[in-house]
Each structure stands twice: as structure tokens, then as C-alpha cells.
Amino acid sequence: MAIKKQTMGASSDIQQSMGPREWAMLLMLSLVWGGSFFFVEVAVTQLPTLTIVFTRVLLAAIALWGVILLTGRAVPRSFAVWRAFLMMGLLNNVIPFALIVWGQKTIASGLASILNASTPLFTILVAGLLLTDERMTLRKGFGVVIGFVGVVIMIGGDALSGIGQGVWAQLAVLGAALSYAFAGVFGRRFKALGVEPVMTAAGQVSASSVILLPMVWLFDTPQSLSVPSMGVIGALVALALVSTAFAYILYFGILERAGATNLLLVTFLIPVSAILLGAVVLGERLELLHFVGMGLIGCGLAAIDGRLLALVRRAQ
């Protein structure tokens, strides 16, 4: 109930329908997060779960504080702000990153992407219960279901062949999706606290680093690990700088302007970005099912956004 009271007291002047700028930010976020599953797949071949997560957030924190120092931004001194950073770090970094990395040790990235695409479903439920300005509607629910079906079709039935195998790993990725949903709702308070997106991003990954350090030292004993290959080091750097530091500046910018439900639609777009990047960069062939899946995702997003439906009604 604490989440409900504080977020309801926060500023609620968000855009229920996203404009061109918010959609552009969402598409960019899907691109940089789309690469994270690949980077994780490379890293897990040589490094344990907590070490990957800790390195990811630590390098991202260093990069973000560098940006803050270079731009002369004031560092928050309020205990309430730093307490919120700690909670956000747990919900948005420590818990979901660890669950996804652990899950990908057992299940393929395609199935992990499908399970991760359940995030908007959880977000509509959580936001509908806890936020007065993001109530659940039939239109939103219909759009999310259509978009989720599009993700499954686009990634392909082969990815679903692993359903029933590695159940705990699958539940871990679903748990990560639920944690992301709560994080999106909790993160709405930073606008009311007067914290800008780059500072929120730096604060949460810094808090995550502090939380993870003793856990990594206790469970992974990093001093005994072998030096990873250059490929793994490169994957970790890209995971930290692109898929974490830059991604979270976009994340909190969208959250501040458009709310949790709109923000977490990015999980529908991540598979689209990954497949299109494969076609453009690697020359992979696009199949009919890819286009069908993308079309359904587009229909789902349009239904959630609401403006297309409003135009059709006005034209009648």
C-alpha cells in the first residue's frame, strides 16, 4: 500500500497517448535492450550470474556519474531520494537482472524474450491496482494480448518447444517481468521528487552496485575467477554502457512523460528490433511469420495508444 499512497501523491500529468518523441524514444530503447539478450548469452559462457549483473551496473554507474560530473548537475542529498534509489535498484536491476541471467543459463534467448514480453500484462495489472491515472481498461488489455500473440508468432513456435523444460528458469524470467512491472509503477515517484532521468538512472545503478557487492564476493568469489576472453569483456562493456547506462536515461525519460504502462510496451518491440537488426546487419531472411507477428504487435500498440481508434470513430 505504500507504493499506492506515494505514487498517487506524485505528479500525474503524464500522456496517456504517446507523441512522436515518446515513440521515438521507445523504439530506441527497444534497440539497445534488444542487444542485451545477445550480450548476456556471450557473457554466461565464462562468468557466473551475479558477477555479470554486478559488472553491468557498476560500469553503468561509473559512466552515468561521469556524465553528471561533466554536465555539472547537482547530486541529491535527500534521504528520501536515496531510499527510493535503493528500492528502484532492487526492483529494476538486482532482482530482474539476476533472474534473467540465471534463467538464460537453462533456457534459450528466444523463449526468454517471449516470457519477458509478459511485462506489459503484469504492468497493466499492477498499475491498474496502484495508480489512479493508469487504470486498467478493456482497450489496454485487448491491445496487450494482441501484442503478446504477435511476439510469440514472430519469434516462432520453435522457441515454445522448451515450454515445460527448465520450469524454474522460466518462472525466474516471469518473476523478472513482474519485478519490472512493480519498478515501472514505483519509478513514477521520481518526477514528484524533482529528480531528472539521468540522475535517477545513476542513482538506481549505484544503489544496485552497493547491494550486489557483498553478494558477489560471498557467492561468486570473483578473486578466484579466470580473466574472461576479449569477446566476453566486450559484451560486458556493451551491456553496461549501451544496454544499461544509455537505456536507463531513455527509460526514465519515457516513464516521466508517458507512465509505466506505455513505457513497458518496449518489451513487445525488443524482439522486433532484434529480428530487424539480424536482417539488416547479418543478412538474415525475414519470413512471412515475422511480418504477421510485427503486424499484430503494431495493432496491439495502436489499440493501447488509442488515437487510431479515436480517428476511426470520428470518421464514422
Protein backbone atom coordinates (compact mmCIF):
# COMPACT_ATOMS: atom_id res chain seq x y z
CA MET A 1 0.00 0.00 0.00
CA ALA A 2 2.99 2.32 0.49
CA ILE A 3 3.54 2.29 -3.26
CA LYS A 4 -0.06 3.30 -3.86
CA LYS A 5 -0.02 6.23 -1.46
CA GLN A 6 3.25 7.70 -2.67
CA THR A 7 2.62 7.30 -6.39
CA MET A 8 -0.89 8.70 -6.06
CA GLY A 9 0.65 11.71 -4.38
CA ALA A 10 3.11 12.12 -7.24
CA SER A 11 2.60 14.34 -10.23
CA SER A 12 0.18 12.61 -12.59
CA ASP A 13 0.47 14.84 -15.66
CA ILE A 14 1.51 12.00 -17.96
CA GLN A 15 0.47 11.47 -21.56
CA GLN A 16 -1.96 8.59 -21.86
CA SER A 17 -1.21 8.58 -25.63
CA MET A 18 2.42 8.95 -26.63
CA GLY A 19 3.57 11.57 -29.12
CA PRO A 20 6.26 11.20 -31.82
CA ARG A 21 9.07 11.97 -29.38
CA GLU A 22 7.97 9.32 -26.88
CA TRP A 23 7.52 6.71 -29.64
CA ALA A 24 11.00 7.52 -30.99
CA MET A 25 12.48 7.10 -27.50
CA LEU A 26 10.60 3.82 -27.06
CA LEU A 27 11.91 2.48 -30.38
CA MET A 28 15.47 3.46 -29.47
CA LEU A 29 15.09 1.77 -26.07
CA SER A 30 13.91 -1.41 -27.79
CA LEU A 31 17.04 -1.37 -29.97
CA VAL A 32 19.51 -1.01 -27.12
CA TRP A 33 17.69 -3.51 -24.91
CA GLY A 34 17.29 -5.92 -27.81
CA GLY A 35 21.05 -6.40 -27.81
CA SER A 36 21.18 -7.23 -24.10
CA PHE A 37 19.97 -10.83 -24.58
CA PHE A 38 22.82 -11.44 -27.03
CA PHE A 39 25.41 -9.83 -24.74
CA VAL A 40 24.18 -11.95 -21.81
CA GLU A 41 24.39 -15.13 -23.89
CA VAL A 42 28.05 -14.34 -24.61
CA ALA A 43 28.87 -13.45 -21.01
CA VAL A 44 27.27 -16.51 -19.35
CA THR A 45 29.69 -18.81 -21.18
CA GLN A 46 32.53 -17.71 -18.89
CA LEU A 47 31.15 -15.77 -15.92
CA PRO A 48 28.67 -16.52 -13.08
CA THR A 49 25.34 -14.76 -12.77
CA LEU A 50 25.96 -12.23 -10.01
CA THR A 51 29.35 -11.23 -11.43
CA ILE A 52 27.72 -10.35 -14.76
CA VAL A 53 24.96 -8.35 -13.09
CA PHE A 54 27.36 -6.53 -10.76
CA THR A 55 29.79 -5.64 -13.57
CA ARG A 56 26.89 -4.42 -15.68
CA VAL A 57 25.52 -1.99 -13.10
CA LEU A 58 28.94 -0.89 -11.78
CA LEU A 59 30.26 0.12 -15.21
CA ALA A 60 26.95 1.80 -16.00
CA ALA A 61 27.12 3.75 -12.71
CA ILE A 62 30.67 4.94 -13.48
CA ALA A 63 29.62 6.10 -16.95
CA LEU A 64 26.49 7.90 -15.70
CA TRP A 65 28.28 9.70 -12.85
CA GLY A 66 30.86 10.79 -15.42
CA VAL A 67 28.06 12.39 -17.44
CA ILE A 68 26.66 14.05 -14.30
CA LEU A 69 30.04 15.49 -13.29
CA LEU A 70 30.81 16.74 -16.80
CA THR A 71 27.43 18.46 -17.06
CA GLY A 72 27.58 19.98 -13.57
CA ARG A 73 24.32 18.51 -12.28
CA ALA A 74 23.60 18.78 -8.55
CA VAL A 75 23.65 15.49 -6.63
CA PRO A 76 20.52 14.82 -4.50
CA ARG A 77 21.13 14.95 -0.73
CA SER A 78 17.66 13.93 0.45
CA PHE A 79 17.41 10.63 2.34
CA ALA A 80 14.01 10.00 0.71
CA VAL A 81 15.57 10.19 -2.75
CA TRP A 82 18.40 7.77 -1.94
CA ARG A 83 15.98 5.39 -0.22
CA ALA A 84 13.91 5.44 -3.42
CA PHE A 85 17.08 4.75 -5.45
CA LEU A 86 17.71 1.65 -3.32
CA MET A 87 14.19 0.31 -3.86
CA MET A 88 14.33 1.10 -7.57
CA GLY A 89 17.70 -0.64 -7.83
CA LEU A 90 16.25 -3.78 -6.27
CA LEU A 91 13.09 -3.85 -8.39
CA ASN A 92 14.58 -2.73 -11.70
CA ASN A 93 18.14 -4.14 -11.58
CA VAL A 94 19.14 -6.60 -8.90
CA ILE A 95 16.10 -8.87 -8.91
CA PRO A 96 15.24 -8.97 -12.66
CA PHE A 97 18.83 -8.97 -13.96
CA ALA A 98 19.80 -11.85 -11.68
CA LEU A 99 16.65 -13.83 -12.55
CA ILE A 100 17.07 -13.34 -16.32
CA VAL A 101 20.78 -14.16 -16.37
CA TRP A 102 20.18 -17.24 -14.20
CA GLY A 103 17.24 -18.28 -16.39
CA GLN A 104 19.28 -17.93 -19.59
CA LYS A 105 21.73 -20.49 -18.30
CA THR A 106 18.96 -23.05 -18.89
CA ILE A 107 16.55 -21.66 -21.50
CA ALA A 108 17.21 -20.13 -24.92
CA SER A 109 17.11 -16.38 -25.52
CA GLY A 110 14.05 -16.73 -27.81
CA LEU A 111 11.94 -18.28 -25.06
CA ALA A 112 13.35 -15.75 -22.57
CA SER A 113 12.23 -12.95 -24.90
CA ILE A 114 8.69 -14.35 -25.08
CA LEU A 115 8.45 -14.70 -21.32
CA ASN A 116 9.91 -11.21 -20.87
CA ALA A 117 7.18 -9.89 -23.21
CA SER A 118 4.67 -10.67 -20.45
CA THR A 119 5.88 -7.49 -18.69
CA PRO A 120 3.07 -5.25 -20.10
CA LEU A 121 0.47 -7.78 -18.92
CA PHE A 122 1.83 -7.57 -15.38
CA THR A 123 2.19 -3.79 -15.66
CA ILE A 124 -1.44 -3.24 -16.62
CA LEU A 125 -2.48 -5.28 -13.58
CA VAL A 126 -0.06 -3.63 -11.14
CA ALA A 127 -0.56 -0.08 -12.45
CA GLY A 128 -4.32 -0.60 -12.60
CA LEU A 129 -4.35 -1.54 -8.93
CA LEU A 130 -1.89 1.05 -7.63
CA LEU A 131 -2.14 4.14 -9.87
CA THR A 132 -5.24 6.30 -10.24
CA ASP A 133 -4.21 7.65 -13.66
CA GLU A 134 -3.25 4.32 -15.25
CA ARG A 135 -6.37 2.30 -14.59
CA MET A 136 -6.92 -0.97 -16.40
CA THR A 137 -9.24 -0.75 -19.41
CA LEU A 138 -10.64 -3.30 -21.85
CA ARG A 139 -8.84 -1.49 -24.69
CA LYS A 140 -5.46 -1.76 -22.95
CA GLY A 141 -5.99 -5.41 -22.08
CA PHE A 142 -7.02 -6.27 -25.63
CA GLY A 143 -4.02 -4.42 -27.08
CA VAL A 144 -1.57 -6.17 -24.76
CA VAL A 145 -2.95 -9.63 -25.58
CA ILE A 146 -2.76 -8.94 -29.34
CA GLY A 147 0.79 -7.64 -28.97
CA PHE A 148 1.86 -10.66 -26.93
CA VAL A 149 0.45 -13.04 -29.55
CA GLY A 150 2.41 -11.08 -32.15
CA VAL A 151 5.64 -11.61 -30.18
CA VAL A 152 5.05 -15.35 -29.96
CA ILE A 153 4.27 -15.65 -33.70
CA MET A 154 7.23 -13.51 -34.73
CA ILE A 155 9.80 -15.36 -32.61
CA GLY A 156 8.32 -18.64 -33.82
CA GLY A 157 6.91 -21.87 -32.49
CA ASP A 158 10.39 -23.40 -32.13
CA ALA A 159 11.06 -21.08 -29.20
CA LEU A 160 8.00 -22.52 -27.43
CA SER A 161 9.33 -26.06 -27.74
CA GLY A 162 11.21 -25.50 -24.50
CA ILE A 163 8.00 -24.85 -22.54
CA GLY A 164 7.78 -27.41 -19.75
CA GLN A 165 11.54 -27.90 -19.64
CA GLY A 166 13.52 -25.89 -17.14
CA VAL A 167 10.36 -24.76 -15.37
CA TRP A 168 12.23 -22.94 -12.60
CA ALA A 169 14.27 -21.00 -15.17
CA GLN A 170 11.05 -20.00 -16.95
CA LEU A 171 9.46 -18.93 -13.67
CA ALA A 172 12.59 -16.88 -12.96
CA VAL A 173 12.16 -14.89 -16.20
CA LEU A 174 8.46 -14.40 -15.43
CA GLY A 175 9.46 -13.20 -11.97
CA ALA A 176 11.77 -10.69 -13.63
CA ALA A 177 8.86 -9.43 -15.74
CA LEU A 178 6.74 -8.96 -12.61
CA SER A 179 9.59 -7.12 -10.90
CA TYR A 180 9.88 -4.79 -13.92
CA ALA A 181 6.16 -4.06 -13.62
CA PHE A 182 6.49 -3.01 -9.98
CA ALA A 183 9.59 -0.99 -10.85
CA GLY A 184 7.70 0.93 -13.52
CA VAL A 185 4.99 1.84 -11.03
CA PHE A 186 7.44 2.68 -8.24
CA GLY A 187 9.57 4.83 -10.56
CA ARG A 188 6.71 7.26 -11.15
CA ARG A 189 7.65 9.00 -7.87
CA PHE A 190 10.97 10.41 -9.10
CA LYS A 191 9.30 13.18 -11.10
CA ALA A 192 7.48 14.33 -7.95
CA LEU A 193 10.80 14.20 -6.06
CA GLY A 194 12.30 16.54 -8.66
CA VAL A 195 14.92 14.05 -9.89
CA GLU A 196 15.72 14.16 -13.60
CA PRO A 197 16.10 10.95 -15.67
CA VAL A 198 19.92 10.84 -15.90
CA MET A 199 20.22 11.28 -12.12
CA THR A 200 17.60 8.60 -11.46
CA ALA A 201 19.44 6.22 -13.77
CA ALA A 202 22.75 6.89 -11.99
CA GLY A 203 21.18 6.58 -8.56
CA GLN A 204 19.49 3.26 -9.17
CA VAL A 205 22.51 1.52 -10.75
CA SER A 206 24.75 2.90 -7.98
CA ALA A 207 22.37 1.53 -5.35
CA SER A 208 22.31 -1.79 -7.21
CA SER A 209 26.12 -1.93 -7.16
CA VAL A 210 26.19 -1.41 -3.39
CA ILE A 211 23.57 -4.12 -2.82
CA LEU A 212 25.32 -6.61 -5.12
CA LEU A 213 28.93 -6.17 -3.97
CA PRO A 214 28.76 -8.34 -0.81
CA MET A 215 26.60 -10.92 -2.61
CA VAL A 216 29.12 -11.25 -5.45
CA TRP A 217 32.03 -11.52 -3.05
CA LEU A 218 30.26 -14.17 -0.96
CA PHE A 219 28.75 -16.38 -3.69
CA ASP A 220 30.90 -15.91 -6.81
CA THR A 221 34.34 -15.42 -5.16
CA PRO A 222 35.49 -13.21 -8.06
CA GLN A 223 39.12 -13.33 -6.90
CA SER A 224 39.23 -16.98 -7.97
CA LEU A 225 37.73 -16.43 -11.45
CA SER A 226 39.83 -16.61 -14.60
CA VAL A 227 40.22 -13.50 -16.73
CA PRO A 228 37.47 -13.68 -19.40
CA SER A 229 38.15 -13.50 -23.11
CA MET A 230 38.13 -10.22 -25.04
CA GLY A 231 34.78 -11.22 -26.55
CA VAL A 232 33.20 -11.55 -23.11
CA ILE A 233 34.79 -8.30 -21.91
CA GLY A 234 33.43 -6.53 -24.99
CA ALA A 235 29.97 -7.98 -24.34
CA LEU A 236 30.07 -6.76 -20.71
CA VAL A 237 31.13 -3.25 -21.73
CA ALA A 238 28.36 -3.05 -24.35
CA LEU A 239 25.86 -4.47 -21.86
CA ALA A 240 26.82 -1.81 -19.31
CA LEU A 241 27.23 1.30 -21.46
CA VAL A 242 24.62 0.76 -24.17
CA SER A 243 22.03 -1.64 -22.72
CA THR A 244 22.13 -0.19 -19.20
CA ALA A 245 23.50 3.37 -18.86
CA PHE A 246 22.08 4.84 -22.08
CA ALA A 247 19.00 2.62 -21.89
CA TYR A 248 18.03 3.88 -18.43
CA ILE A 249 18.31 7.53 -19.43
CA LEU A 250 15.71 6.72 -22.10
CA TYR A 251 13.72 4.55 -19.66
CA PHE A 252 13.24 7.23 -17.01
CA GLY A 253 12.62 9.89 -19.64
CA ILE A 254 9.71 7.88 -21.07
CA LEU A 255 8.43 6.95 -17.60
CA GLU A 256 8.36 10.62 -16.58
CA ARG A 257 6.44 11.67 -19.69
CA ALA A 258 4.21 8.70 -20.56
CA GLY A 259 3.80 6.47 -17.49
CA ALA A 260 4.54 2.86 -16.63
CA THR A 261 2.07 1.11 -18.93
CA ASN A 262 3.27 2.93 -22.06
CA LEU A 263 6.93 2.54 -21.09
CA LEU A 264 6.87 -1.21 -20.65
CA LEU A 265 5.37 -1.76 -24.09
CA VAL A 266 9.05 -1.75 -25.06
CA THR A 267 9.14 -5.48 -24.32
CA PHE A 268 6.92 -6.03 -27.39
CA LEU A 269 9.32 -4.04 -29.55
CA ILE A 270 12.55 -5.69 -28.38
CA PRO A 271 12.02 -8.89 -30.46
CA VAL A 272 11.06 -6.75 -33.47
CA SER A 273 14.30 -4.78 -33.13
CA ALA A 274 16.37 -7.94 -32.73
CA ILE A 275 14.89 -9.55 -35.84
CA LEU A 276 15.20 -6.41 -37.97
CA LEU A 277 18.80 -5.91 -36.84
CA GLY A 278 19.53 -9.51 -37.80
CA ALA A 279 18.10 -8.87 -41.26
CA VAL A 280 19.94 -5.57 -41.82
CA VAL A 281 23.28 -6.33 -40.16
CA LEU A 282 23.62 -10.09 -40.56
CA GLY A 283 21.62 -10.55 -43.76
CA GLU A 284 19.13 -12.93 -42.13
CA ARG A 285 15.99 -13.59 -44.15
CA LEU A 286 12.64 -12.30 -42.97
CA GLU A 287 9.86 -14.90 -43.12
CA LEU A 288 6.11 -14.37 -43.55
CA LEU A 289 5.53 -15.11 -39.85
CA HIS A 290 7.87 -12.26 -38.94
CA PHE A 291 5.71 -9.80 -40.85
CA VAL A 292 2.50 -11.28 -39.40
CA GLY A 293 3.91 -11.01 -35.88
CA MET A 294 5.09 -7.44 -36.43
CA GLY A 295 1.67 -6.54 -37.82
CA LEU A 296 -0.07 -7.91 -34.73
CA ILE A 297 2.35 -6.05 -32.46
CA GLY A 298 1.60 -2.86 -34.38
CA CYS A 299 -2.15 -3.45 -34.00
CA GLY A 300 -1.72 -4.09 -30.28
CA LEU A 301 0.32 -0.92 -29.78
CA ALA A 302 -2.22 1.11 -31.77
CA ALA A 303 -5.06 -0.25 -29.63
CA ILE A 304 -3.23 0.63 -26.41
CA ASP A 305 -2.30 4.10 -27.66
CA GLY A 306 -5.96 4.76 -28.52
CA ARG A 307 -5.55 7.55 -31.07
CA LEU A 308 -6.06 5.33 -34.12
CA LEU A 309 -9.34 4.06 -32.69
CA ALA A 310 -10.38 7.65 -31.93
CA LEU A 311 -9.67 8.67 -35.54
CA VAL A 312 -11.78 5.77 -36.85
CA ARG A 313 -14.67 6.76 -34.56
CA ARG A 314 -14.51 10.40 -35.65
CA ALA A 315 -14.51 9.35 -39.32
CA GLN A 316 -17.73 7.34 -38.90
